[in-house]
N, C-alpha and C. Protein backbone atom coordinates (compact mmCIF):
# COMPACT_ATOMS: atom_id res chain seq x y z
N MET A 1 0.73 3.25 39.16
CA MET A 1 0.62 2.45 37.94
C MET A 1 1.82 1.52 37.84
N GLN A 2 1.55 0.24 37.61
CA GLN A 2 2.63 -0.74 37.48
C GLN A 2 3.51 -0.41 36.28
N LEU A 3 4.79 -0.76 36.39
CA LEU A 3 5.74 -0.45 35.33
C LEU A 3 5.34 -1.08 34.00
N SER A 4 4.88 -2.33 34.03
CA SER A 4 4.49 -3.01 32.79
C SER A 4 3.31 -2.29 32.13
N LEU A 5 2.36 -1.84 32.96
CA LEU A 5 1.19 -1.13 32.43
C LEU A 5 1.60 0.22 31.87
N TRP A 6 2.55 0.89 32.56
CA TRP A 6 3.02 2.19 32.09
C TRP A 6 3.77 2.06 30.77
N LEU A 7 4.56 1.01 30.63
CA LEU A 7 5.29 0.78 29.38
C LEU A 7 4.32 0.53 28.23
N ALA A 8 3.23 -0.18 28.53
CA ALA A 8 2.20 -0.38 27.51
C ALA A 8 1.56 0.95 27.14
N LEU A 9 1.36 1.80 28.13
CA LEU A 9 0.80 3.14 27.88
C LEU A 9 1.74 3.96 27.00
N VAL A 10 3.03 3.88 27.27
CA VAL A 10 4.02 4.61 26.45
C VAL A 10 3.97 4.15 25.00
N GLY A 11 3.92 2.83 24.82
CA GLY A 11 3.85 2.30 23.46
C GLY A 11 2.60 2.75 22.73
N ALA A 12 1.46 2.70 23.41
CA ALA A 12 0.20 3.13 22.79
C ALA A 12 0.24 4.63 22.51
N GLY A 13 0.81 5.40 23.45
CA GLY A 13 0.89 6.84 23.27
C GLY A 13 1.73 7.23 22.07
N VAL A 14 2.84 6.52 21.86
CA VAL A 14 3.71 6.80 20.70
C VAL A 14 2.96 6.52 19.40
N LEU A 15 2.28 5.38 19.33
CA LEU A 15 1.54 5.04 18.12
C LEU A 15 0.45 6.06 17.83
N ILE A 16 -0.26 6.49 18.87
CA ILE A 16 -1.33 7.47 18.70
C ILE A 16 -0.77 8.80 18.20
N SER A 17 0.33 9.25 18.79
CA SER A 17 0.90 10.55 18.43
C SER A 17 1.42 10.56 17.00
N PHE A 18 1.93 9.42 16.52
CA PHE A 18 2.47 9.36 15.16
C PHE A 18 1.37 9.23 14.11
N THR A 19 0.13 9.01 14.55
CA THR A 19 -0.97 8.93 13.60
C THR A 19 -1.28 10.32 13.08
N PRO A 20 -1.14 10.59 11.77
CA PRO A 20 -1.36 11.94 11.25
C PRO A 20 -2.80 12.39 11.45
N GLY A 21 -2.96 13.63 11.78
CA GLY A 21 -4.29 14.20 11.98
C GLY A 21 -4.22 15.71 11.92
N ALA A 22 -5.29 16.36 12.37
CA ALA A 22 -5.36 17.81 12.30
C ALA A 22 -4.25 18.45 13.14
N GLY A 23 -3.93 17.84 14.30
CA GLY A 23 -2.87 18.39 15.15
C GLY A 23 -1.52 18.38 14.47
N ALA A 24 -1.22 17.29 13.77
CA ALA A 24 0.06 17.19 13.06
C ALA A 24 0.12 18.22 11.93
N ILE A 25 -0.98 18.37 11.20
CA ILE A 25 -1.01 19.35 10.11
C ILE A 25 -0.85 20.76 10.66
N ASN A 26 -1.53 21.05 11.76
CA ASN A 26 -1.43 22.37 12.38
C ASN A 26 0.00 22.65 12.83
N THR A 27 0.65 21.63 13.40
CA THR A 27 2.03 21.79 13.87
C THR A 27 2.98 22.06 12.70
N MET A 28 2.84 21.31 11.62
CA MET A 28 3.71 21.50 10.46
C MET A 28 3.49 22.88 9.84
N ASN A 29 2.24 23.31 9.78
CA ASN A 29 1.95 24.63 9.23
C ASN A 29 2.56 25.73 10.10
N ASN A 30 2.45 25.59 11.42
CA ASN A 30 3.04 26.57 12.33
C ASN A 30 4.56 26.62 12.20
N SER A 31 5.16 25.45 12.05
CA SER A 31 6.62 25.38 11.90
C SER A 31 7.08 26.09 10.64
N LEU A 32 6.30 25.94 9.57
CA LEU A 32 6.66 26.59 8.31
C LEU A 32 6.46 28.09 8.36
N THR A 33 5.38 28.53 8.96
CA THR A 33 5.04 29.95 8.91
C THR A 33 5.68 30.77 10.03
N SER A 34 5.90 30.15 11.19
CA SER A 34 6.41 30.90 12.34
C SER A 34 7.75 30.38 12.86
N GLY A 35 8.21 29.27 12.31
CA GLY A 35 9.49 28.73 12.75
C GLY A 35 9.35 27.57 13.72
N PHE A 36 10.39 26.75 13.76
CA PHE A 36 10.37 25.54 14.58
C PHE A 36 10.15 25.86 16.05
N ARG A 37 10.88 26.81 16.60
CA ARG A 37 10.78 27.09 18.03
C ARG A 37 9.40 27.61 18.42
N ARG A 38 8.86 28.52 17.62
CA ARG A 38 7.57 29.12 17.99
C ARG A 38 6.40 28.18 17.74
N SER A 39 6.62 27.12 16.98
CA SER A 39 5.54 26.16 16.76
C SER A 39 5.12 25.46 18.05
N ILE A 40 5.96 25.55 19.07
CA ILE A 40 5.65 24.91 20.34
C ILE A 40 4.38 25.49 20.97
N TRP A 41 4.06 26.76 20.67
CA TRP A 41 2.87 27.37 21.26
C TRP A 41 1.60 26.70 20.75
N GLY A 42 1.58 26.37 19.47
CA GLY A 42 0.43 25.65 18.94
C GLY A 42 0.32 24.26 19.54
N ILE A 43 1.48 23.62 19.76
CA ILE A 43 1.51 22.29 20.37
C ILE A 43 0.98 22.36 21.81
N PHE A 44 1.36 23.41 22.54
CA PHE A 44 0.84 23.58 23.90
C PHE A 44 -0.68 23.71 23.89
N GLY A 45 -1.21 24.43 22.91
CA GLY A 45 -2.66 24.55 22.80
C GLY A 45 -3.32 23.21 22.56
N GLN A 46 -2.71 22.40 21.70
CA GLN A 46 -3.25 21.06 21.42
C GLN A 46 -3.22 20.20 22.68
N GLN A 47 -2.18 20.35 23.49
CA GLN A 47 -2.08 19.55 24.71
C GLN A 47 -3.10 20.00 25.75
N ALA A 48 -3.38 21.31 25.77
CA ALA A 48 -4.41 21.80 26.70
C ALA A 48 -5.75 21.17 26.37
N ALA A 49 -6.04 21.03 25.07
CA ALA A 49 -7.29 20.37 24.66
C ALA A 49 -7.27 18.91 25.06
N LEU A 50 -6.11 18.28 24.93
CA LEU A 50 -5.99 16.87 25.31
C LEU A 50 -6.29 16.69 26.81
N VAL A 51 -5.76 17.61 27.62
CA VAL A 51 -6.02 17.55 29.07
C VAL A 51 -7.50 17.71 29.36
N VAL A 52 -8.16 18.62 28.61
CA VAL A 52 -9.61 18.80 28.78
C VAL A 52 -10.35 17.51 28.46
N HIS A 53 -9.95 16.84 27.37
CA HIS A 53 -10.58 15.58 27.01
C HIS A 53 -10.43 14.54 28.12
N VAL A 54 -9.24 14.46 28.69
CA VAL A 54 -8.99 13.50 29.77
C VAL A 54 -9.87 13.81 30.97
N ILE A 55 -9.95 15.10 31.32
CA ILE A 55 -10.77 15.50 32.47
C ILE A 55 -12.24 15.18 32.23
N VAL A 56 -12.72 15.48 31.03
CA VAL A 56 -14.12 15.22 30.70
C VAL A 56 -14.43 13.73 30.81
N VAL A 57 -13.53 12.90 30.27
CA VAL A 57 -13.74 11.45 30.34
C VAL A 57 -13.66 10.98 31.78
N ALA A 58 -12.70 11.50 32.53
CA ALA A 58 -12.54 11.09 33.92
C ALA A 58 -13.77 11.43 34.75
N LEU A 59 -14.42 12.51 34.41
CA LEU A 59 -15.62 12.92 35.14
C LEU A 59 -16.88 12.20 34.66
N GLY A 60 -16.73 11.42 33.60
CA GLY A 60 -17.85 10.64 33.11
C GLY A 60 -18.70 11.34 32.06
N VAL A 61 -18.34 12.58 31.72
CA VAL A 61 -19.13 13.31 30.73
C VAL A 61 -18.96 12.68 29.35
N GLY A 62 -17.81 12.02 29.14
CA GLY A 62 -17.58 11.36 27.86
C GLY A 62 -18.65 10.33 27.55
N VAL A 63 -19.18 9.68 28.58
CA VAL A 63 -20.26 8.71 28.38
C VAL A 63 -21.49 9.42 27.82
N LEU A 64 -21.77 10.62 28.35
CA LEU A 64 -22.92 11.39 27.88
C LEU A 64 -22.76 11.77 26.41
N VAL A 65 -21.56 12.26 26.06
CA VAL A 65 -21.33 12.70 24.68
C VAL A 65 -21.41 11.53 23.72
N SER A 66 -20.76 10.42 24.06
CA SER A 66 -20.76 9.27 23.16
C SER A 66 -22.14 8.63 23.07
N GLY A 67 -22.98 8.84 24.09
CA GLY A 67 -24.31 8.26 24.09
C GLY A 67 -25.39 9.19 23.56
N SER A 68 -25.00 10.42 23.19
CA SER A 68 -25.97 11.39 22.68
C SER A 68 -25.60 11.73 21.24
N PRO A 69 -26.26 11.12 20.26
CA PRO A 69 -25.94 11.39 18.86
C PRO A 69 -26.05 12.86 18.50
N VAL A 70 -27.02 13.56 19.05
CA VAL A 70 -27.21 14.97 18.71
C VAL A 70 -26.02 15.80 19.20
N LEU A 71 -25.66 15.63 20.47
CA LEU A 71 -24.54 16.39 21.04
C LEU A 71 -23.24 16.04 20.33
N PHE A 72 -23.06 14.75 20.08
CA PHE A 72 -21.84 14.31 19.39
C PHE A 72 -21.75 14.95 18.01
N ASN A 73 -22.84 14.96 17.27
CA ASN A 73 -22.84 15.50 15.91
C ASN A 73 -22.65 17.01 15.91
N VAL A 74 -23.23 17.71 16.88
CA VAL A 74 -23.03 19.15 16.97
C VAL A 74 -21.55 19.49 17.12
N ILE A 75 -20.88 18.80 18.03
CA ILE A 75 -19.45 19.05 18.24
C ILE A 75 -18.65 18.60 17.03
N ARG A 76 -19.04 17.48 16.44
CA ARG A 76 -18.30 16.94 15.29
C ARG A 76 -18.35 17.91 14.11
N TYR A 77 -19.55 18.41 13.80
CA TYR A 77 -19.68 19.31 12.66
C TYR A 77 -19.05 20.68 12.94
N ALA A 78 -19.08 21.10 14.20
CA ALA A 78 -18.42 22.36 14.56
C ALA A 78 -16.91 22.23 14.35
N GLY A 79 -16.36 21.10 14.74
CA GLY A 79 -14.93 20.87 14.53
C GLY A 79 -14.58 20.81 13.06
N ALA A 80 -15.40 20.13 12.28
CA ALA A 80 -15.17 20.04 10.84
C ALA A 80 -15.24 21.41 10.19
N ALA A 81 -16.22 22.22 10.60
CA ALA A 81 -16.37 23.56 10.03
C ALA A 81 -15.16 24.42 10.35
N TYR A 82 -14.62 24.28 11.56
CA TYR A 82 -13.44 25.08 11.94
C TYR A 82 -12.23 24.69 11.10
N LEU A 83 -12.06 23.39 10.84
CA LEU A 83 -10.94 22.94 10.02
C LEU A 83 -11.10 23.41 8.57
N VAL A 84 -12.33 23.40 8.07
CA VAL A 84 -12.59 23.91 6.72
C VAL A 84 -12.23 25.39 6.66
N PHE A 85 -12.61 26.14 7.69
CA PHE A 85 -12.28 27.56 7.76
C PHE A 85 -10.76 27.77 7.69
N LEU A 86 -10.01 26.99 8.48
CA LEU A 86 -8.56 27.11 8.45
C LEU A 86 -8.01 26.77 7.07
N GLY A 87 -8.58 25.72 6.45
CA GLY A 87 -8.11 25.30 5.13
C GLY A 87 -8.36 26.35 4.07
N ILE A 88 -9.57 26.91 4.06
CA ILE A 88 -9.91 27.93 3.06
C ILE A 88 -9.06 29.18 3.27
N ARG A 89 -8.82 29.54 4.52
CA ARG A 89 -7.99 30.71 4.79
C ARG A 89 -6.57 30.53 4.25
N LEU A 90 -6.05 29.32 4.38
CA LEU A 90 -4.71 29.04 3.84
C LEU A 90 -4.72 29.07 2.31
N ILE A 91 -5.73 28.47 1.71
CA ILE A 91 -5.80 28.42 0.25
C ILE A 91 -5.88 29.82 -0.35
N LEU A 92 -6.61 30.71 0.32
CA LEU A 92 -6.80 32.07 -0.18
C LEU A 92 -5.67 33.02 0.21
N GLN A 93 -4.78 32.55 1.09
CA GLN A 93 -3.70 33.42 1.56
C GLN A 93 -2.74 33.75 0.42
N LYS A 94 -2.45 35.02 0.25
CA LYS A 94 -1.57 35.45 -0.84
C LYS A 94 -0.11 35.24 -0.46
N PRO A 95 0.70 34.74 -1.39
CA PRO A 95 2.12 34.54 -1.10
C PRO A 95 2.84 35.87 -0.96
N ASP A 96 3.93 35.84 -0.22
CA ASP A 96 4.77 37.02 -0.04
C ASP A 96 6.07 36.81 -0.81
N PRO A 97 6.18 37.35 -2.03
CA PRO A 97 7.36 37.09 -2.86
C PRO A 97 8.64 37.68 -2.29
N SER A 98 8.50 38.57 -1.32
CA SER A 98 9.70 39.19 -0.75
C SER A 98 10.27 38.41 0.42
N ARG A 99 9.62 37.29 0.77
CA ARG A 99 10.09 36.53 1.93
C ARG A 99 11.48 35.99 1.68
N ASP A 100 12.31 36.12 2.70
CA ASP A 100 13.69 35.63 2.63
C ASP A 100 13.89 34.71 3.82
N LEU A 101 14.39 33.50 3.57
CA LEU A 101 14.57 32.55 4.68
C LEU A 101 15.53 33.09 5.73
N ALA A 102 16.44 33.95 5.32
CA ALA A 102 17.42 34.48 6.27
C ALA A 102 16.83 35.64 7.08
N ALA A 103 15.71 36.18 6.61
CA ALA A 103 15.10 37.31 7.30
C ALA A 103 14.16 36.83 8.39
N PRO A 104 13.95 37.67 9.41
CA PRO A 104 13.02 37.27 10.48
C PRO A 104 11.61 37.08 9.94
N ARG A 105 10.92 36.07 10.43
CA ARG A 105 9.55 35.81 10.01
C ARG A 105 8.59 36.75 10.72
N ALA A 106 7.44 36.97 10.10
CA ALA A 106 6.39 37.71 10.78
C ALA A 106 5.94 36.86 11.96
N ARG A 107 5.98 37.44 13.13
CA ARG A 107 5.73 36.67 14.35
C ARG A 107 4.25 36.68 14.70
N GLU A 108 3.60 35.56 14.52
CA GLU A 108 2.23 35.41 14.99
C GLU A 108 2.27 35.36 16.51
N LEU A 109 1.30 36.00 17.13
CA LEU A 109 1.25 36.01 18.58
C LEU A 109 1.18 34.59 19.13
N ALA A 110 1.91 34.35 20.22
CA ALA A 110 1.92 33.03 20.84
C ALA A 110 0.50 32.62 21.24
N TRP A 111 -0.29 33.58 21.76
CA TRP A 111 -1.65 33.27 22.18
C TRP A 111 -2.51 32.84 21.00
N SER A 112 -2.29 33.47 19.84
CA SER A 112 -3.05 33.11 18.64
C SER A 112 -2.75 31.67 18.23
N MET A 113 -1.48 31.29 18.27
CA MET A 113 -1.09 29.92 17.92
C MET A 113 -1.64 28.94 18.94
N PHE A 114 -1.55 29.30 20.22
CA PHE A 114 -2.06 28.44 21.29
C PHE A 114 -3.56 28.22 21.12
N ARG A 115 -4.28 29.31 20.86
CA ARG A 115 -5.74 29.24 20.74
C ARG A 115 -6.16 28.37 19.56
N ARG A 116 -5.46 28.51 18.42
CA ARG A 116 -5.81 27.70 17.25
C ARG A 116 -5.55 26.22 17.53
N GLY A 117 -4.41 25.92 18.17
CA GLY A 117 -4.12 24.54 18.52
C GLY A 117 -5.14 23.97 19.48
N LEU A 118 -5.60 24.80 20.42
CA LEU A 118 -6.61 24.37 21.38
C LEU A 118 -7.90 23.97 20.66
N TRP A 119 -8.37 24.84 19.76
CA TRP A 119 -9.64 24.57 19.09
C TRP A 119 -9.54 23.43 18.10
N VAL A 120 -8.38 23.28 17.45
CA VAL A 120 -8.20 22.18 16.49
C VAL A 120 -8.43 20.84 17.18
N ASN A 121 -7.90 20.68 18.40
CA ASN A 121 -8.06 19.41 19.11
C ASN A 121 -9.34 19.35 19.94
N LEU A 122 -9.76 20.51 20.46
CA LEU A 122 -10.93 20.51 21.34
C LEU A 122 -12.20 20.18 20.57
N LEU A 123 -12.30 20.67 19.33
CA LEU A 123 -13.50 20.44 18.53
C LEU A 123 -13.40 19.13 17.76
N ASN A 124 -12.91 18.12 18.43
CA ASN A 124 -12.78 16.80 17.84
C ASN A 124 -13.39 15.78 18.79
N PRO A 125 -14.69 15.54 18.70
CA PRO A 125 -15.33 14.63 19.65
C PRO A 125 -14.85 13.20 19.51
N LYS A 126 -14.29 12.86 18.35
CA LYS A 126 -13.76 11.50 18.19
C LYS A 126 -12.60 11.28 19.16
N ALA A 127 -11.84 12.34 19.47
CA ALA A 127 -10.77 12.23 20.46
C ALA A 127 -11.36 11.93 21.83
N LEU A 128 -12.51 12.56 22.12
CA LEU A 128 -13.18 12.32 23.40
C LEU A 128 -13.63 10.88 23.50
N VAL A 129 -14.27 10.38 22.45
CA VAL A 129 -14.74 9.00 22.45
C VAL A 129 -13.56 8.04 22.48
N PHE A 130 -12.46 8.42 21.79
CA PHE A 130 -11.27 7.59 21.79
C PHE A 130 -10.72 7.44 23.21
N PHE A 131 -10.61 8.55 23.93
CA PHE A 131 -10.10 8.49 25.29
C PHE A 131 -11.06 7.70 26.19
N LEU A 132 -12.34 7.77 25.87
CA LEU A 132 -13.32 7.00 26.64
C LEU A 132 -13.03 5.50 26.52
N ALA A 133 -12.57 5.09 25.34
CA ALA A 133 -12.23 3.67 25.13
C ALA A 133 -10.80 3.36 25.54
N PHE A 134 -9.93 4.37 25.44
CA PHE A 134 -8.49 4.18 25.65
C PHE A 134 -8.11 4.17 27.14
N MET A 135 -8.64 5.13 27.87
CA MET A 135 -8.19 5.32 29.25
C MET A 135 -8.48 4.15 30.18
N PRO A 136 -9.67 3.52 30.11
CA PRO A 136 -9.94 2.42 31.04
C PRO A 136 -8.96 1.26 30.93
N GLN A 137 -8.28 1.14 29.78
CA GLN A 137 -7.31 0.05 29.62
C GLN A 137 -6.12 0.20 30.56
N PHE A 138 -5.89 1.43 31.02
CA PHE A 138 -4.70 1.70 31.83
C PHE A 138 -5.04 2.19 33.24
N ILE A 139 -6.29 2.06 33.61
CA ILE A 139 -6.74 2.49 34.94
C ILE A 139 -7.18 1.27 35.74
N GLN A 140 -6.66 1.15 36.94
CA GLN A 140 -7.04 0.06 37.84
C GLN A 140 -8.01 0.62 38.89
N PRO A 141 -9.29 0.27 38.78
CA PRO A 141 -10.30 0.89 39.65
C PRO A 141 -10.11 0.62 41.13
N GLU A 142 -9.40 -0.44 41.47
CA GLU A 142 -9.21 -0.75 42.89
C GLU A 142 -8.12 0.12 43.52
N GLN A 143 -7.36 0.84 42.68
CA GLN A 143 -6.31 1.73 43.16
C GLN A 143 -6.82 3.17 43.15
N PRO A 144 -6.16 4.07 43.92
CA PRO A 144 -6.55 5.49 43.90
C PRO A 144 -6.55 6.02 42.46
N LEU A 145 -7.62 6.66 42.05
CA LEU A 145 -7.79 7.05 40.65
C LEU A 145 -6.99 8.29 40.26
N LEU A 146 -6.96 9.30 41.13
CA LEU A 146 -6.31 10.56 40.77
C LEU A 146 -4.84 10.39 40.36
N PRO A 147 -4.03 9.65 41.15
CA PRO A 147 -2.63 9.47 40.73
C PRO A 147 -2.52 8.76 39.37
N GLN A 148 -3.43 7.82 39.11
CA GLN A 148 -3.38 7.10 37.84
C GLN A 148 -3.71 8.03 36.67
N TYR A 149 -4.73 8.86 36.85
CA TYR A 149 -5.09 9.81 35.80
C TYR A 149 -3.96 10.82 35.57
N LEU A 150 -3.29 11.23 36.64
CA LEU A 150 -2.18 12.17 36.50
C LEU A 150 -1.03 11.54 35.72
N VAL A 151 -0.69 10.29 36.06
CA VAL A 151 0.38 9.60 35.35
C VAL A 151 0.03 9.43 33.87
N LEU A 152 -1.21 9.02 33.61
CA LEU A 152 -1.65 8.83 32.23
C LEU A 152 -1.58 10.14 31.45
N THR A 153 -2.10 11.22 32.05
CA THR A 153 -2.13 12.51 31.36
C THR A 153 -0.74 13.03 31.08
N VAL A 154 0.12 13.02 32.10
CA VAL A 154 1.48 13.53 31.92
C VAL A 154 2.23 12.71 30.87
N THR A 155 2.05 11.40 30.90
CA THR A 155 2.74 10.53 29.94
C THR A 155 2.30 10.81 28.52
N VAL A 156 0.98 10.86 28.29
CA VAL A 156 0.45 11.06 26.94
C VAL A 156 0.82 12.45 26.42
N VAL A 157 0.71 13.46 27.28
CA VAL A 157 1.05 14.83 26.87
C VAL A 157 2.53 14.94 26.54
N PHE A 158 3.38 14.39 27.38
CA PHE A 158 4.83 14.46 27.15
C PHE A 158 5.22 13.79 25.83
N ILE A 159 4.65 12.63 25.57
CA ILE A 159 4.94 11.91 24.32
C ILE A 159 4.45 12.72 23.12
N ASP A 160 3.25 13.27 23.23
CA ASP A 160 2.69 14.01 22.10
C ASP A 160 3.49 15.27 21.80
N VAL A 161 3.95 15.96 22.85
CA VAL A 161 4.79 17.15 22.64
C VAL A 161 6.07 16.77 21.90
N LEU A 162 6.71 15.68 22.34
CA LEU A 162 7.96 15.24 21.69
C LEU A 162 7.73 14.89 20.23
N VAL A 163 6.66 14.13 19.96
CA VAL A 163 6.40 13.70 18.58
C VAL A 163 6.02 14.89 17.71
N MET A 164 5.14 15.76 18.21
CA MET A 164 4.72 16.92 17.42
C MET A 164 5.89 17.84 17.12
N TRP A 165 6.71 18.11 18.14
CA TRP A 165 7.77 19.11 17.97
C TRP A 165 8.99 18.55 17.24
N PHE A 166 9.41 17.34 17.64
CA PHE A 166 10.66 16.81 17.10
C PHE A 166 10.46 15.88 15.91
N PHE A 167 9.21 15.64 15.52
CA PHE A 167 8.98 14.89 14.28
C PHE A 167 8.23 15.73 13.26
N PHE A 168 6.99 16.12 13.59
CA PHE A 168 6.19 16.84 12.61
C PHE A 168 6.71 18.26 12.36
N ALA A 169 7.11 18.97 13.42
CA ALA A 169 7.64 20.32 13.22
C ALA A 169 8.98 20.28 12.50
N VAL A 170 9.81 19.29 12.84
CA VAL A 170 11.10 19.14 12.17
C VAL A 170 10.90 18.72 10.72
N ALA A 171 9.95 17.82 10.48
CA ALA A 171 9.68 17.37 9.11
C ALA A 171 9.27 18.54 8.23
N ALA A 172 8.55 19.49 8.79
CA ALA A 172 8.11 20.65 8.01
C ALA A 172 9.28 21.49 7.54
N ARG A 173 10.37 21.46 8.29
CA ARG A 173 11.52 22.29 7.94
C ARG A 173 12.13 21.88 6.60
N SER A 174 11.91 20.63 6.21
CA SER A 174 12.43 20.18 4.92
C SER A 174 11.73 20.88 3.76
N PHE A 175 10.55 21.47 4.03
CA PHE A 175 9.82 22.18 2.98
C PHE A 175 10.17 23.68 2.95
N GLN A 176 11.00 24.14 3.89
CA GLN A 176 11.23 25.56 4.00
C GLN A 176 11.90 26.17 2.77
N ARG A 177 12.62 25.36 2.03
CA ARG A 177 13.29 25.92 0.86
C ARG A 177 12.28 26.40 -0.18
N PHE A 178 11.04 25.90 -0.09
CA PHE A 178 10.01 26.34 -1.03
C PHE A 178 9.41 27.69 -0.64
N THR A 179 9.56 28.07 0.63
CA THR A 179 8.82 29.23 1.11
C THR A 179 9.46 30.56 0.75
N ASN A 180 10.62 30.54 0.10
CA ASN A 180 11.22 31.81 -0.29
C ASN A 180 10.86 32.22 -1.71
N THR A 181 9.92 31.50 -2.34
CA THR A 181 9.40 31.88 -3.65
C THR A 181 7.88 31.96 -3.57
N ALA A 182 7.31 32.86 -4.37
CA ALA A 182 5.85 33.02 -4.35
C ALA A 182 5.16 31.72 -4.77
N ARG A 183 5.71 31.04 -5.78
CA ARG A 183 5.10 29.81 -6.25
C ARG A 183 5.16 28.73 -5.17
N GLY A 184 6.31 28.63 -4.49
CA GLY A 184 6.45 27.64 -3.43
C GLY A 184 5.49 27.89 -2.29
N GLN A 185 5.34 29.15 -1.89
CA GLN A 185 4.41 29.49 -0.82
C GLN A 185 2.98 29.15 -1.23
N LEU A 186 2.63 29.43 -2.48
CA LEU A 186 1.29 29.16 -2.97
C LEU A 186 0.99 27.65 -2.93
N ILE A 187 1.98 26.85 -3.37
CA ILE A 187 1.81 25.39 -3.38
C ILE A 187 1.64 24.87 -1.96
N LEU A 188 2.49 25.35 -1.04
CA LEU A 188 2.42 24.87 0.34
C LEU A 188 1.12 25.30 1.02
N ASN A 189 0.71 26.56 0.80
CA ASN A 189 -0.54 27.03 1.39
C ASN A 189 -1.72 26.19 0.91
N ARG A 190 -1.74 25.92 -0.40
CA ARG A 190 -2.85 25.13 -0.95
C ARG A 190 -2.79 23.69 -0.47
N THR A 191 -1.57 23.16 -0.34
CA THR A 191 -1.42 21.78 0.12
C THR A 191 -1.94 21.62 1.55
N PHE A 192 -1.48 22.50 2.45
CA PHE A 192 -1.92 22.41 3.84
C PHE A 192 -3.39 22.78 3.97
N GLY A 193 -3.85 23.71 3.14
CA GLY A 193 -5.27 24.04 3.16
C GLY A 193 -6.12 22.85 2.79
N LEU A 194 -5.72 22.14 1.73
CA LEU A 194 -6.46 20.95 1.30
C LEU A 194 -6.38 19.84 2.35
N LEU A 195 -5.24 19.74 3.03
CA LEU A 195 -5.10 18.73 4.08
C LEU A 195 -6.08 19.02 5.22
N PHE A 196 -6.18 20.29 5.62
CA PHE A 196 -7.13 20.65 6.67
C PHE A 196 -8.56 20.29 6.25
N ILE A 197 -8.90 20.62 5.01
CA ILE A 197 -10.25 20.33 4.52
C ILE A 197 -10.49 18.83 4.44
N SER A 198 -9.46 18.07 4.03
CA SER A 198 -9.59 16.61 3.95
C SER A 198 -9.86 16.01 5.31
N VAL A 199 -9.11 16.48 6.32
CA VAL A 199 -9.33 15.99 7.68
C VAL A 199 -10.74 16.36 8.16
N ALA A 200 -11.20 17.55 7.78
CA ALA A 200 -12.55 17.98 8.15
C ALA A 200 -13.59 17.05 7.54
N LEU A 201 -13.41 16.68 6.27
CA LEU A 201 -14.35 15.77 5.62
C LEU A 201 -14.36 14.40 6.29
N LEU A 202 -13.16 13.93 6.67
CA LEU A 202 -13.09 12.63 7.37
C LEU A 202 -13.82 12.73 8.71
N LEU A 203 -13.59 13.85 9.40
CA LEU A 203 -14.22 14.06 10.71
C LEU A 203 -15.74 14.10 10.58
N ALA A 204 -16.23 14.70 9.48
CA ALA A 204 -17.67 14.87 9.32
C ALA A 204 -18.36 13.64 8.73
N LEU A 205 -17.64 12.87 7.90
CA LEU A 205 -18.29 11.81 7.14
C LEU A 205 -18.02 10.41 7.67
N VAL A 206 -16.84 10.21 8.28
CA VAL A 206 -16.50 8.85 8.73
C VAL A 206 -17.11 8.62 10.10
N HIS A 207 -17.82 7.52 10.26
CA HIS A 207 -18.49 7.20 11.53
C HIS A 207 -17.86 5.95 12.12
């Protein structure tokens, strides 16, 4: 990949990663509940889904999904339902008034965080269609394709990890002072729950 094309890819990747979505909300929630360092497991799950999207598009299956309204809608509504489930679970979650910021947090299993991050991004067919439109802009068909796809994937994943971890996860830490009171935990749980549900509605209703 030419340097000028790669720099354009970096710029596009940064803009895409800074666009708030379900992944950003999931990352901020993980940072608040499990800590900044452990939030990386959810981010890894989101990146695994991103790699799957790239592979699917590279294999041409993305054309099938974008051209099949039924298949697209099945995946779209499944993703929306999963986000609603996450949102309702947060809204109904009871606060822990004994939580102390200085005390160790309850450690959610890394696999659980990874799996949730995977499904949050995987059940988003709009990401698949987006990559279907996005990737050809940075692929030169007359050149070997595999190295180009590898460069694109590594670049986009690396940028997204940096933005998710060092922006969204760090931004969530500014809310941590609220989490040592029952009222603060309740407000944050309901806020993130409503955000998940809002993203689900956008995913289901916006075409």
